């Protein structure tokens, strides 16, 4: 990958996404009511995410998901809590915990390869991939939003306290410094 291709990667921060941590037994009685609220079933395949009408649903573990919705989606958490109430599970608002960086352009996977061990080739990480990993020694959740060869789009979720460092690191790698 040339320095020019790395420099043409668009890096956009998307702060203030609504982020909800959801814990429940996917085979338990709360699964169906939650699916009704979200308009889709929770993904149960490891390292995947799925788009739903109400939120993006990120698999983080066998009984843990992170739900991403547009900023100020105030009614989603209460609706999920109401659906879970007669059953077993938790919904925790973690919106202020992370910010998101979207990277778009053919050089985006190569840019991340400078600090991340995840193979981002579409054969290994197709659209719908969601992994928790280290990028430049910073914990991130990485989503493959689109694996199109000409304009792949990747999303990084990083704790807000590490966001300035990661933003600077991404800029340095993109500029070749």
C-alpha atoms as a PDB file:
ATOM      1  CA  UNK A   1       0.000   0.000   0.000  1.00  0.00           C
ATOM      2  CA  UNK A   2       1.427   3.343  -0.994  1.00  0.00           C
ATOM      3  CA  UNK A   3       1.593   6.406   1.249  1.00  0.00           C
ATOM      4  CA  UNK A   4      -0.842   8.128  -1.139  1.00  0.00           C
ATOM      5  CA  UNK A   5      -3.414   5.348  -0.695  1.00  0.00           C
ATOM      6  CA  UNK A   6      -3.067   5.533   3.089  1.00  0.00           C
ATOM      7  CA  UNK A   7      -3.460   9.316   2.977  1.00  0.00           C
ATOM      8  CA  UNK A   8      -6.749   8.924   1.059  1.00  0.00           C
ATOM      9  CA  UNK A   9      -8.432   7.018   3.870  1.00  0.00           C
ATOM     10  CA  UNK A  10     -11.282   9.127   5.243  1.00  0.00           C
ATOM     11  CA  UNK A  11     -11.364   9.085   9.053  1.00  0.00           C
ATOM     12  CA  UNK A  12     -14.582  10.372  10.602  1.00  0.00           C
ATOM     13  CA  UNK A  13     -15.452  10.463  14.280  1.00  0.00           C
ATOM     14  CA  UNK A  14     -19.038   9.622  15.196  1.00  0.00           C
ATOM     15  CA  UNK A  15     -19.420  10.601  18.845  1.00  0.00           C
ATOM     16  CA  UNK A  16     -22.417  10.202  21.123  1.00  0.00           C
ATOM     17  CA  UNK A  17     -23.845   7.001  19.657  1.00  0.00           C
ATOM     18  CA  UNK A  18     -26.392   5.394  21.928  1.00  0.00           C
ATOM     19  CA  UNK A  19     -24.628   2.308  23.270  1.00  0.00           C
ATOM     20  CA  UNK A  20     -26.378  -0.282  25.383  1.00  0.00           C
ATOM     21  CA  UNK A  21     -24.767  -3.291  27.003  1.00  0.00           C
ATOM     22  CA  UNK A  22     -27.199  -6.190  26.901  1.00  0.00           C
ATOM     23  CA  UNK A  23     -26.691  -9.359  28.956  1.00  0.00           C
ATOM     24  CA  UNK A  24     -29.055 -12.317  28.676  1.00  0.00           C
ATOM     25  CA  UNK A  25     -29.251 -16.006  27.891  1.00  0.00           C
ATOM     26  CA  UNK A  26     -29.820 -16.171  24.107  1.00  0.00           C
ATOM     27  CA  UNK A  27     -31.768 -19.412  24.564  1.00  0.00           C
ATOM     28  CA  UNK A  28     -33.717 -18.057  27.550  1.00  0.00           C
ATOM     29  CA  UNK A  29     -37.184 -16.592  27.847  1.00  0.00           C
ATOM     30  CA  UNK A  30     -36.029 -12.966  27.408  1.00  0.00           C
ATOM     31  CA  UNK A  31     -34.643 -13.567  23.909  1.00  0.00           C
ATOM     32  CA  UNK A  32     -37.980 -13.405  22.038  1.00  0.00           C
ATOM     33  CA  UNK A  33     -39.265 -10.205  23.735  1.00  0.00           C
ATOM     34  CA  UNK A  34     -35.899  -8.511  23.082  1.00  0.00           C
ATOM     35  CA  UNK A  35     -36.038  -9.575  19.415  1.00  0.00           C
ATOM     36  CA  UNK A  36     -39.520  -8.076  19.181  1.00  0.00           C
ATOM     37  CA  UNK A  37     -38.252  -4.711  20.480  1.00  0.00           C
ATOM     38  CA  UNK A  38     -35.189  -4.714  18.208  1.00  0.00           C
ATOM     39  CA  UNK A  39     -36.950  -6.049  15.120  1.00  0.00           C
ATOM     40  CA  UNK A  40     -34.342  -8.827  14.784  1.00  0.00           C
ATOM     41  CA  UNK A  41     -32.834 -11.698  16.712  1.00  0.00           C
ATOM     42  CA  UNK A  42     -29.499 -11.163  18.435  1.00  0.00           C
ATOM     43  CA  UNK A  43     -26.552 -12.631  16.521  1.00  0.00           C
ATOM     44  CA  UNK A  44     -25.194 -15.720  18.255  1.00  0.00           C
ATOM     45  CA  UNK A  45     -22.238 -16.481  15.986  1.00  0.00           C
ATOM     46  CA  UNK A  46     -18.982 -15.332  17.599  1.00  0.00           C
ATOM     47  CA  UNK A  47     -17.289 -12.225  16.188  1.00  0.00           C
ATOM     48  CA  UNK A  48     -20.304 -11.004  14.224  1.00  0.00           C
ATOM     49  CA  UNK A  49     -22.688  -8.074  14.194  1.00  0.00           C
ATOM     50  CA  UNK A  50     -26.059  -7.579  12.504  1.00  0.00           C
ATOM     51  CA  UNK A  51     -28.056  -4.536  11.486  1.00  0.00           C
ATOM     52  CA  UNK A  52     -31.568  -4.301  12.910  1.00  0.00           C
ATOM     53  CA  UNK A  53     -34.213  -1.591  12.523  1.00  0.00           C
ATOM     54  CA  UNK A  54     -33.594  -0.265  16.051  1.00  0.00           C
ATOM     55  CA  UNK A  55     -29.817  -0.735  16.413  1.00  0.00           C
ATOM     56  CA  UNK A  56     -26.704  -2.524  15.248  1.00  0.00           C
ATOM     57  CA  UNK A  57     -26.303  -5.673  17.349  1.00  0.00           C
ATOM     58  CA  UNK A  58     -22.701  -6.598  18.188  1.00  0.00           C
ATOM     59  CA  UNK A  59     -21.889 -10.033  19.602  1.00  0.00           C
ATOM     60  CA  UNK A  60     -19.298  -9.584  22.376  1.00  0.00           C
ATOM     61  CA  UNK A  61     -19.638 -12.921  24.147  1.00  0.00           C
ATOM     62  CA  UNK A  62     -21.974 -15.897  24.599  1.00  0.00           C
ATOM     63  CA  UNK A  63     -24.359 -13.824  26.745  1.00  0.00           C
ATOM     64  CA  UNK A  64     -23.259 -10.262  25.930  1.00  0.00           C
ATOM     65  CA  UNK A  65     -24.073  -7.800  23.163  1.00  0.00           C
ATOM     66  CA  UNK A  66     -23.419  -4.140  22.516  1.00  0.00           C
ATOM     67  CA  UNK A  67     -26.274  -2.319  20.809  1.00  0.00           C
ATOM     68  CA  UNK A  68     -25.386   0.779  18.759  1.00  0.00           C
ATOM     69  CA  UNK A  69     -28.119   3.234  17.834  1.00  0.00           C
ATOM     70  CA  UNK A  70     -28.205   6.841  16.633  1.00  0.00           C
ATOM     71  CA  UNK A  71     -27.404   9.521  19.224  1.00  0.00           C
ATOM     72  CA  UNK A  72     -30.176  10.322  21.682  1.00  0.00           C
ATOM     73  CA  UNK A  73     -32.209   7.184  21.078  1.00  0.00           C
ATOM     74  CA  UNK A  74     -33.805   7.606  24.472  1.00  0.00           C
ATOM     75  CA  UNK A  75     -36.646   5.098  24.224  1.00  0.00           C
ATOM     76  CA  UNK A  76     -34.622   1.979  23.343  1.00  0.00           C
ATOM     77  CA  UNK A  77     -33.223   1.209  26.820  1.00  0.00           C
ATOM     78  CA  UNK A  78     -36.593   1.518  28.631  1.00  0.00           C
ATOM     79  CA  UNK A  79     -38.264  -0.621  25.954  1.00  0.00           C
ATOM     80  CA  UNK A  80     -35.638  -3.332  26.358  1.00  0.00           C
ATOM     81  CA  UNK A  81     -35.838  -3.191  30.155  1.00  0.00           C
ATOM     82  CA  UNK A  82     -39.617  -3.578  29.944  1.00  0.00           C
ATOM     83  CA  UNK A  83     -39.216  -6.581  27.604  1.00  0.00           C
ATOM     84  CA  UNK A  84     -36.693  -8.216  29.946  1.00  0.00           C
ATOM     85  CA  UNK A  85     -38.470  -7.377  33.245  1.00  0.00           C
ATOM     86  CA  UNK A  86     -40.469 -10.589  33.622  1.00  0.00           C
ATOM     87  CA  UNK A  87     -37.442 -12.636  32.577  1.00  0.00           C
ATOM     88  CA  UNK A  88     -33.722 -12.565  33.296  1.00  0.00           C
ATOM     89  CA  UNK A  89     -31.233 -10.103  31.777  1.00  0.00           C
ATOM     90  CA  UNK A  90     -29.784  -6.618  32.065  1.00  0.00           C
ATOM     91  CA  UNK A  91     -29.581  -3.470  29.961  1.00  0.00           C
ATOM     92  CA  UNK A  92     -26.947  -0.888  30.865  1.00  0.00           C
ATOM     93  CA  UNK A  93     -26.453   2.435  29.105  1.00  0.00           C
ATOM     94  CA  UNK A  94     -22.729   2.754  28.309  1.00  0.00           C
ATOM     95  CA  UNK A  95     -23.091   5.547  25.744  1.00  0.00           C
ATOM     96  CA  UNK A  96     -20.486   7.830  27.280  1.00  0.00           C
ATOM     97  CA  UNK A  97     -17.934   5.032  27.522  1.00  0.00           C
ATOM     98  CA  UNK A  98     -16.811   4.968  23.859  1.00  0.00           C
ATOM     99  CA  UNK A  99     -16.605   7.028  20.712  1.00  0.00           C
ATOM    100  CA  UNK A 100     -16.551   5.707  17.141  1.00  0.00           C
ATOM    101  CA  UNK A 101     -14.157   6.291  14.268  1.00  0.00           C
ATOM    102  CA  UNK A 102     -15.197   5.258  10.772  1.00  0.00           C
ATOM    103  CA  UNK A 103     -12.421   4.600   8.245  1.00  0.00           C
ATOM    104  CA  UNK A 104     -13.359   4.490   4.574  1.00  0.00           C
ATOM    105  CA  UNK A 105     -11.201   3.921   1.526  1.00  0.00           C
ATOM    106  CA  UNK A 106      -9.218   1.163  -0.138  1.00  0.00           C
ATOM    107  CA  UNK A 107      -6.277   1.744   2.212  1.00  0.00           C
ATOM    108  CA  UNK A 108      -8.307   1.442   5.443  1.00  0.00           C
ATOM    109  CA  UNK A 109      -7.461  -2.232   6.149  1.00  0.00           C
ATOM    110  CA  UNK A 110      -3.782  -1.585   5.422  1.00  0.00           C
ATOM    111  CA  UNK A 111      -3.756   1.468   7.667  1.00  0.00           C
ATOM    112  CA  UNK A 112      -5.056  -0.631  10.560  1.00  0.00           C
ATOM    113  CA  UNK A 113      -2.571  -3.406   9.758  1.00  0.00           C
ATOM    114  CA  UNK A 114       0.175  -1.063  11.000  1.00  0.00           C
ATOM    115  CA  UNK A 115      -1.054  -1.596  14.564  1.00  0.00           C
ATOM    116  CA  UNK A 116      -3.510  -4.496  14.572  1.00  0.00           C
ATOM    117  CA  UNK A 117      -3.016  -8.250  14.170  1.00  0.00           C
ATOM    118  CA  UNK A 118      -6.512  -8.944  12.795  1.00  0.00           C
ATOM    119  CA  UNK A 119      -6.547 -10.067   9.146  1.00  0.00           C
ATOM    120  CA  UNK A 120      -8.957  -7.603   7.509  1.00  0.00           C
ATOM    121  CA  UNK A 121      -8.969  -9.195   4.060  1.00  0.00           C
ATOM    122  CA  UNK A 122     -12.608  -9.834   3.031  1.00  0.00           C
ATOM    123  CA  UNK A 123     -11.962 -13.607   2.971  1.00  0.00           C
ATOM    124  CA  UNK A 124     -11.119 -13.511   6.689  1.00  0.00           C
ATOM    125  CA  UNK A 125     -13.172 -10.519   7.844  1.00  0.00           C
ATOM    126  CA  UNK A 126     -16.245 -10.053   5.638  1.00  0.00           C
ATOM    127  CA  UNK A 127     -18.988  -7.494   6.191  1.00  0.00           C
ATOM    128  CA  UNK A 128     -20.599  -8.363   9.514  1.00  0.00           C
ATOM    129  CA  UNK A 129     -17.355  -9.116  11.354  1.00  0.00           C
ATOM    130  CA  UNK A 130     -17.021  -7.709  14.884  1.00  0.00           C
ATOM    131  CA  UNK A 131     -13.901  -8.324  16.974  1.00  0.00           C
ATOM    132  CA  UNK A 132     -12.409  -6.970  20.172  1.00  0.00           C
ATOM    133  CA  UNK A 133      -8.692  -6.450  19.719  1.00  0.00           C
ATOM    134  CA  UNK A 134      -5.743  -4.156  20.295  1.00  0.00           C
ATOM    135  CA  UNK A 135      -4.908  -1.388  17.843  1.00  0.00           C
ATOM    136  CA  UNK A 136      -1.709   0.519  18.573  1.00  0.00           C
ATOM    137  CA  UNK A 137      -1.849  -0.900  22.113  1.00  0.00           C
ATOM    138  CA  UNK A 138      -5.373   0.465  22.592  1.00  0.00           C
ATOM    139  CA  UNK A 139      -8.389  -1.775  23.202  1.00  0.00           C
ATOM    140  CA  UNK A 140     -10.947  -1.373  20.413  1.00  0.00           C
ATOM    141  CA  UNK A 141     -14.016  -3.078  19.079  1.00  0.00           C
ATOM    142  CA  UNK A 142     -13.629  -3.289  15.303  1.00  0.00           C
ATOM    143  CA  UNK A 143     -16.582  -3.715  12.944  1.00  0.00           C
ATOM    144  CA  UNK A 144     -16.414  -4.405   9.228  1.00  0.00           C
ATOM    145  CA  UNK A 145     -19.300  -2.283   7.956  1.00  0.00           C
ATOM    146  CA  UNK A 146     -18.551  -2.895   4.262  1.00  0.00           C
ATOM    147  CA  UNK A 147     -15.859  -5.088   2.720  1.00  0.00           C
ATOM    148  CA  UNK A 148     -16.141  -3.641  -0.828  1.00  0.00           C
ATOM    149  CA  UNK A 149     -12.608  -3.676  -2.333  1.00  0.00           C
ATOM    150  CA  UNK A 150     -12.797  -0.120  -3.695  1.00  0.00           C
ATOM    151  CA  UNK A 151     -14.242   1.490  -0.575  1.00  0.00           C
ATOM    152  CA  UNK A 152     -14.189  -0.709   2.509  1.00  0.00           C
ATOM    153  CA  UNK A 153     -15.631   0.869   5.640  1.00  0.00           C
ATOM    154  CA  UNK A 154     -14.465  -0.089   9.115  1.00  0.00           C
ATOM    155  CA  UNK A 155     -15.686   1.235  12.458  1.00  0.00           C
ATOM    156  CA  UNK A 156     -13.554   1.436  15.580  1.00  0.00           C
ATOM    157  CA  UNK A 157     -15.138   1.803  18.999  1.00  0.00           C
ATOM    158  CA  UNK A 158     -12.623   3.111  21.509  1.00  0.00           C
ATOM    159  CA  UNK A 159     -12.915   4.335  25.076  1.00  0.00           C
ATOM    160  CA  UNK A 160     -13.255   8.109  25.117  1.00  0.00           C
ATOM    161  CA  UNK A 161     -10.151   8.497  27.276  1.00  0.00           C
ATOM    162  CA  UNK A 162      -8.050   6.804  24.552  1.00  0.00           C
ATOM    163  CA  UNK A 163      -9.734   8.564  21.599  1.00  0.00           C
ATOM    164  CA  UNK A 164      -7.254  11.488  21.320  1.00  0.00           C
ATOM    165  CA  UNK A 165      -4.310   9.071  21.270  1.00  0.00           C
ATOM    166  CA  UNK A 166      -5.951   6.810  18.673  1.00  0.00           C
ATOM    167  CA  UNK A 167      -6.992   9.790  16.518  1.00  0.00           C
ATOM    168  CA  UNK A 168      -3.385  11.012  16.559  1.00  0.00           C
ATOM    169  CA  UNK A 169      -2.021   7.541  15.792  1.00  0.00           C
ATOM    170  CA  UNK A 170      -4.415   7.101  12.842  1.00  0.00           C
ATOM    171  CA  UNK A 171      -3.402  10.528  11.480  1.00  0.00           C
ATOM    172  CA  UNK A 172       0.297   9.744  11.843  1.00  0.00           C
ATOM    173  CA  UNK A 173       0.010   6.416  10.030  1.00  0.00           C
ATOM    174  CA  UNK A 174      -2.179   7.903   7.289  1.00  0.00           C
ATOM    175  CA  UNK A 175       0.309  10.715   6.693  1.00  0.00           C
ATOM    176  CA  UNK A 176       3.296   8.364   6.785  1.00  0.00           C
ATOM    177  CA  UNK A 177       4.938   9.972   9.816  1.00  0.00           C
END
